[in-house]
Amino acid sequence: MRRIILSLCLGALAAPALAQTAPSAPAVTPGRYAPAPWWMDKPIIASSGYVTSEVTANRASFQATYHVVDRDPAAATKAAADKVKALGAALAAYGADKVRVATTFQITPLYDQYRDKDGQLVDNDRADKIKTYQVAAIVSVEVRDMRLIEQVYATALSAKPSTTEPVNFRLEPDNETKTQMFRAAVEDATRRARLAVEATGAKLGAVKLIDPTGRACETDVLVAGADRSYDGGYPQAVAMAAPAPPPAEEMMVTARKRAAEVGLNPDDFRLPLQAPLRSLEAKACVVFGL
């Protein structure tokens, strides 16, 4: 009897196992596992162009500071403002599109001093120990016409500032310069592609793509599934028509008259200033068929 019961139990345990079926292997679909790079169907050459040029700086900036010390902070501020009014009036004659001026004021309390046990002078920096106030009028000037930099700087010096900073030159390429640099980069990319094709004995085909950012020639863009969001290059801008500027000589004559009216004589402070060259780079990607 035991043997019969044991046989029935074993049969019951084995029944579910016999009912289970082995999982079937996934069907393999013939073909590619992933999309092939877009250049696999037809041969291409992706050529990068690089150009570097030296362009004269077209911006100049400097600061001039005028200090006034007085027991009354209001009187000191007014005196400092009076000092920069003459300079502002003289520089306004050039026009805001040629010379931009910004003025800020800084008030610093000057305290009574005493000597410590070692004989060192120490400021008694308590509110009730303020002796006088020093007001600094800081004039920041940006010149956008390099023909005027010497005259503008001389005008600032003629106002007899307490301190001045050296003139800082920089380059801000205009739209036309950016366009010509891009054109040169495309020409360089075309020349490189032609030389490469000649070296391999192939034949250069039609243009497939022109990318002003140069991003399209990078490897991660050429492969399939890569992110194709571009970054870099020059932003697009619309060139606005502007009236032709008056000759520099005419502007300088007008500015000299205005400076004389406010008691300034820039000619006594004229210094030779020359805008330096600044490096400018551009790149482009051109894709040709083969």
Protein backbone atom coordinates (compact mmCIF):
# COMPACT_ATOMS: atom_id res chain seq x y z
CA MET A 1 0.00 0.00 0.00
CA ARG A 2 2.86 2.33 0.86
CA ARG A 3 4.43 1.69 -2.51
CA ILE A 4 1.21 2.61 -4.28
CA ILE A 5 0.84 5.91 -2.31
CA LEU A 6 4.48 6.80 -2.86
CA SER A 7 4.14 6.17 -6.58
CA LEU A 8 1.07 8.42 -6.75
CA CYS A 9 2.89 11.25 -4.93
CA LEU A 10 5.87 11.05 -7.23
CA GLY A 11 3.57 11.12 -10.22
CA ALA A 12 1.80 14.21 -8.89
CA LEU A 13 5.10 16.01 -8.39
CA ALA A 14 6.33 15.15 -11.82
CA ALA A 15 3.15 16.16 -13.60
CA PRO A 16 3.68 19.96 -13.47
CA ALA A 17 7.21 19.57 -14.70
CA LEU A 18 6.07 17.56 -17.64
CA ALA A 19 3.41 20.17 -18.43
CA GLN A 20 6.01 22.99 -18.66
CA THR A 21 7.51 23.71 -22.06
CA ALA A 22 11.00 25.06 -22.66
CA PRO A 23 11.04 28.77 -23.68
CA SER A 24 11.54 29.26 -27.35
CA ALA A 25 14.58 31.18 -28.55
CA PRO A 26 13.84 34.73 -29.80
CA ALA A 27 13.39 34.96 -33.50
CA VAL A 28 16.32 36.57 -35.24
CA THR A 29 15.29 39.09 -37.83
CA PRO A 30 17.72 39.22 -40.69
CA GLY A 31 19.20 42.65 -41.41
CA ARG A 32 21.06 45.41 -39.52
CA TYR A 33 21.06 45.64 -35.73
CA ALA A 34 21.14 49.46 -35.87
CA PRO A 35 20.88 52.09 -38.56
CA ALA A 36 24.10 52.46 -40.45
CA PRO A 37 25.88 55.84 -40.56
CA TRP A 38 24.33 58.12 -43.15
CA TRP A 39 27.53 58.16 -45.18
CA MET A 40 27.67 54.38 -45.65
CA ASP A 41 25.22 54.27 -48.55
CA LYS A 42 27.19 56.70 -50.68
CA PRO A 43 30.85 57.67 -50.15
CA ILE A 44 31.57 61.20 -49.00
CA ILE A 45 34.44 63.31 -47.73
CA ALA A 46 33.89 65.64 -44.75
CA SER A 47 36.42 68.45 -44.91
CA SER A 48 37.12 70.95 -42.12
CA GLY A 49 38.38 74.43 -42.93
CA TYR A 50 40.29 76.62 -40.47
CA VAL A 51 41.46 80.19 -40.93
CA THR A 52 43.24 82.63 -38.66
CA SER A 53 43.64 86.32 -39.35
CA GLU A 54 44.97 89.38 -37.56
CA VAL A 55 42.57 92.30 -37.37
CA THR A 56 43.16 95.72 -35.84
CA ALA A 57 41.38 96.19 -32.51
CA ASN A 58 38.25 98.30 -32.88
CA ARG A 59 37.43 99.04 -29.23
CA ALA A 60 39.39 100.97 -26.59
CA SER A 61 38.45 101.63 -22.97
CA PHE A 62 40.00 103.31 -19.94
CA GLN A 63 39.07 104.82 -16.59
CA ALA A 64 39.87 108.17 -15.00
CA THR A 65 39.21 108.84 -11.31
CA TYR A 66 38.75 112.24 -9.67
CA HIS A 67 39.10 112.51 -5.86
CA VAL A 68 37.70 115.24 -3.61
CA VAL A 69 38.13 115.39 0.19
CA ASP A 70 35.81 117.48 2.38
CA ARG A 71 34.30 117.40 5.87
CA ASP A 72 30.83 117.50 4.34
CA PRO A 73 30.09 114.44 2.17
CA ALA A 74 27.47 116.37 0.19
CA ALA A 75 29.97 119.14 -0.61
CA ALA A 76 32.60 116.58 -1.58
CA THR A 77 30.17 114.78 -3.88
CA LYS A 78 29.15 118.04 -5.56
CA ALA A 79 32.77 119.05 -6.08
CA ALA A 80 33.57 115.66 -7.62
CA ALA A 81 30.54 115.91 -9.89
CA ASP A 82 31.63 119.36 -11.03
CA LYS A 83 35.01 117.96 -12.01
CA VAL A 84 33.54 115.32 -14.31
CA LYS A 85 30.83 117.56 -15.79
CA ALA A 86 33.37 119.39 -17.92
CA LEU A 87 34.83 116.11 -19.17
CA GLY A 88 31.38 114.69 -19.91
CA ALA A 89 30.40 117.78 -21.89
CA ALA A 90 33.58 117.61 -23.97
CA LEU A 91 33.22 113.89 -24.73
CA ALA A 92 29.54 114.26 -25.62
CA ALA A 93 30.59 116.20 -28.71
CA TYR A 94 31.80 112.96 -30.34
CA GLY A 95 28.38 111.30 -30.14
CA ALA A 96 27.27 108.28 -28.12
CA ASP A 97 27.87 105.97 -31.09
CA LYS A 98 31.57 106.90 -31.09
CA VAL A 99 32.36 107.50 -27.41
CA ARG A 100 30.39 106.08 -24.49
CA VAL A 101 30.81 107.46 -20.99
CA ALA A 102 29.65 106.02 -17.66
CA THR A 103 30.23 107.73 -14.28
CA THR A 104 30.02 106.21 -10.78
CA PHE A 105 30.73 107.70 -7.34
CA GLN A 106 32.31 106.14 -4.29
CA ILE A 107 32.33 107.74 -0.79
CA THR A 108 35.01 106.67 1.70
CA PRO A 109 35.14 107.98 5.29
CA LEU A 110 38.57 109.05 6.56
CA TYR A 111 38.98 108.56 10.33
CA ASP A 112 41.08 110.24 12.98
CA GLN A 113 44.33 108.41 13.57
CA TYR A 114 46.26 107.63 16.72
CA ARG A 115 49.51 105.86 17.53
CA ASP A 116 49.50 102.53 19.31
CA LYS A 117 52.07 101.42 21.88
CA ASP A 118 54.47 100.49 19.07
CA GLY A 119 54.16 103.92 17.46
CA GLN A 120 52.14 102.69 14.48
CA LEU A 121 49.39 104.95 13.10
CA VAL A 122 45.97 103.31 13.44
CA ASP A 123 42.61 104.49 12.12
CA ASN A 124 40.07 105.08 14.86
CA ASP A 125 37.28 103.60 12.72
CA ARG A 126 34.28 104.69 14.77
CA ALA A 127 31.34 106.61 13.42
CA ASP A 128 31.98 109.49 15.83
CA LYS A 129 35.65 109.65 14.79
CA ILE A 130 35.17 110.42 11.08
CA LYS A 131 37.42 113.31 10.17
CA THR A 132 36.60 113.89 6.48
CA TYR A 133 35.06 112.18 3.50
CA GLN A 134 36.78 111.26 0.24
CA VAL A 135 34.56 111.09 -2.83
CA ALA A 136 35.85 109.31 -5.94
CA ALA A 137 34.18 110.08 -9.26
CA ILE A 138 35.09 107.21 -11.61
CA VAL A 139 34.64 107.93 -15.30
CA SER A 140 34.64 104.87 -17.60
CA VAL A 141 35.15 105.67 -21.28
CA GLU A 142 34.73 103.35 -24.26
CA VAL A 143 35.91 104.53 -27.67
CA ARG A 144 34.34 102.80 -30.69
CA ASP A 145 36.16 104.72 -33.38
CA MET A 146 39.92 104.14 -33.25
CA ARG A 147 40.55 107.40 -35.11
CA LEU A 148 39.50 109.26 -31.96
CA ILE A 149 41.36 107.38 -29.23
CA GLU A 150 44.29 109.82 -28.92
CA GLN A 151 42.04 112.88 -28.79
CA VAL A 152 39.58 111.31 -26.32
CA TYR A 153 42.34 110.14 -23.98
CA ALA A 154 44.00 113.57 -24.12
CA THR A 155 40.67 115.19 -23.25
CA ALA A 156 40.38 112.98 -20.16
CA LEU A 157 43.92 113.84 -19.09
CA SER A 158 43.28 117.56 -19.60
CA ALA A 159 40.57 117.34 -16.91
CA LYS A 160 43.44 116.48 -14.49
CA PRO A 161 42.21 113.24 -12.91
CA SER A 162 43.76 111.93 -9.70
CA THR A 163 44.49 108.55 -11.30
CA THR A 164 44.11 106.93 -14.72
CA GLU A 165 44.27 103.36 -15.99
CA PRO A 166 46.11 102.21 -19.12
CA VAL A 167 44.07 102.06 -22.31
CA ASN A 168 42.71 98.57 -22.95
CA PHE A 169 42.25 97.52 -26.59
CA ARG A 170 40.01 94.68 -27.76
CA LEU A 171 38.43 93.33 -30.93
CA GLU A 172 34.70 92.93 -31.54
CA PRO A 173 34.31 91.70 -35.13
CA ASP A 174 31.49 93.28 -37.12
CA ASN A 175 29.11 91.31 -39.32
CA GLU A 176 31.09 91.86 -42.51
CA THR A 177 34.31 90.62 -40.92
CA LYS A 178 32.55 87.49 -39.64
CA THR A 179 31.10 86.82 -43.09
CA GLN A 180 34.47 87.14 -44.81
CA MET A 181 36.11 84.87 -42.23
CA PHE A 182 33.44 82.22 -42.82
CA ARG A 183 33.94 82.48 -46.56
CA ALA A 184 37.68 81.98 -46.13
CA ALA A 185 37.04 78.93 -43.91
CA VAL A 186 34.77 77.37 -46.58
CA GLU A 187 37.43 78.02 -49.23
CA ASP A 188 40.03 76.34 -47.02
CA ALA A 189 37.75 73.31 -46.48
CA THR A 190 37.24 73.02 -50.25
CA ARG A 191 40.97 73.19 -50.92
CA ARG A 192 41.67 70.51 -48.29
CA ALA A 193 39.02 68.21 -49.76
CA ARG A 194 40.40 68.62 -53.29
CA LEU A 195 43.95 67.83 -52.15
CA ALA A 196 42.78 64.77 -50.22
CA VAL A 197 40.80 63.44 -53.17
CA GLU A 198 43.71 63.97 -55.56
CA ALA A 199 45.97 62.06 -53.18
CA THR A 200 43.64 59.05 -53.21
CA GLY A 201 42.88 59.09 -56.92
CA ALA A 202 39.16 59.60 -56.36
CA LYS A 203 36.95 62.27 -57.90
CA LEU A 204 35.36 65.09 -55.94
CA GLY A 205 31.58 65.15 -56.25
CA ALA A 206 28.87 67.66 -55.48
CA VAL A 207 28.51 69.52 -52.20
CA LYS A 208 26.27 67.66 -49.72
CA LEU A 209 26.44 69.99 -46.73
CA ILE A 210 27.96 73.31 -45.64
CA ASP A 211 28.08 73.84 -41.89
CA PRO A 212 29.33 77.23 -40.61
CA THR A 213 29.86 75.85 -37.09
CA GLY A 214 32.18 73.04 -38.21
CA ARG A 215 30.24 70.62 -36.01
CA ALA A 216 29.10 68.37 -38.86
CA CYS A 217 32.67 67.17 -39.47
CA GLU A 218 33.08 65.82 -35.95
CA THR A 219 32.99 62.04 -35.55
CA ASP A 220 30.04 61.83 -33.18
CA VAL A 221 27.88 63.65 -35.72
CA LEU A 222 28.93 61.47 -38.64
CA VAL A 223 27.93 58.23 -36.88
CA ALA A 224 24.35 57.02 -36.73
CA GLY A 225 22.13 58.02 -33.83
CA ALA A 226 24.39 60.86 -32.68
CA ASP A 227 23.02 64.08 -31.33
CA ARG A 228 22.95 66.61 -34.14
CA SER A 229 22.38 69.75 -32.10
CA TYR A 230 24.95 72.27 -33.22
CA ASP A 231 26.70 74.74 -31.00
CA GLY A 232 29.27 77.40 -31.72
CA GLY A 233 30.04 79.57 -34.71
CA TYR A 234 28.86 83.12 -35.13
CA PRO A 235 25.27 84.12 -34.32
CA GLN A 236 23.25 85.37 -37.20
CA ALA A 237 22.60 89.07 -37.22
CA VAL A 238 20.92 91.51 -39.52
CA ALA A 239 23.11 94.39 -40.62
CA MET A 240 21.23 97.65 -40.16
CA ALA A 241 21.87 100.45 -42.61
CA ALA A 242 23.51 103.40 -40.88
CA PRO A 243 24.42 106.86 -42.18
CA ALA A 244 28.04 107.34 -43.13
CA PRO A 245 30.04 108.76 -40.20
CA PRO A 246 31.48 112.23 -40.56
CA PRO A 247 35.21 112.51 -41.19
CA ALA A 248 37.38 112.17 -38.11
CA GLU A 249 38.83 115.65 -38.65
CA GLU A 250 35.38 117.22 -38.52
CA MET A 251 34.50 115.41 -35.30
CA MET A 252 37.79 116.44 -33.70
CA VAL A 253 37.30 120.10 -34.57
CA THR A 254 33.85 120.06 -33.00
CA ALA A 255 35.18 118.28 -29.91
CA ARG A 256 38.05 120.76 -29.51
CA LYS A 257 35.61 123.66 -29.58
CA ARG A 258 33.45 122.00 -26.93
CA ALA A 259 36.53 121.26 -24.76
CA ALA A 260 37.66 124.89 -24.99
CA GLU A 261 34.20 126.05 -23.93
CA VAL A 262 34.47 124.05 -20.67
CA GLY A 263 38.08 125.09 -19.99
CA LEU A 264 39.94 121.99 -21.25
CA ASN A 265 42.92 121.92 -23.59
CA PRO A 266 43.50 118.36 -24.85
CA ASP A 267 46.33 119.34 -27.20
CA ASP A 268 48.67 119.76 -24.21
CA PHE A 269 48.12 116.10 -23.22
CA ARG A 270 48.13 114.38 -26.63
CA LEU A 271 49.95 111.03 -26.51
CA PRO A 272 50.67 108.59 -29.37
CA LEU A 273 48.32 105.62 -29.08
CA GLN A 274 48.09 102.85 -31.67
CA ALA A 275 45.53 100.05 -31.74
CA PRO A 276 47.23 96.60 -31.78
CA LEU A 277 46.36 93.60 -33.92
CA ARG A 278 44.16 90.87 -32.48
CA SER A 279 43.87 87.27 -33.67
CA LEU A 280 40.55 86.12 -35.16
CA GLU A 281 39.68 82.51 -36.01
CA ALA A 282 36.88 80.84 -37.99
CA LYS A 283 36.01 77.29 -39.00
CA ALA A 284 33.59 75.56 -41.37
CA CYS A 285 32.68 72.04 -42.45
CA VAL A 286 31.94 71.14 -46.08
CA VAL A 287 30.79 67.63 -47.03
CA PHE A 288 31.34 66.47 -50.62
CA GLY A 289 30.24 63.37 -52.40
CA LEU A 290 32.83 61.10 -53.99
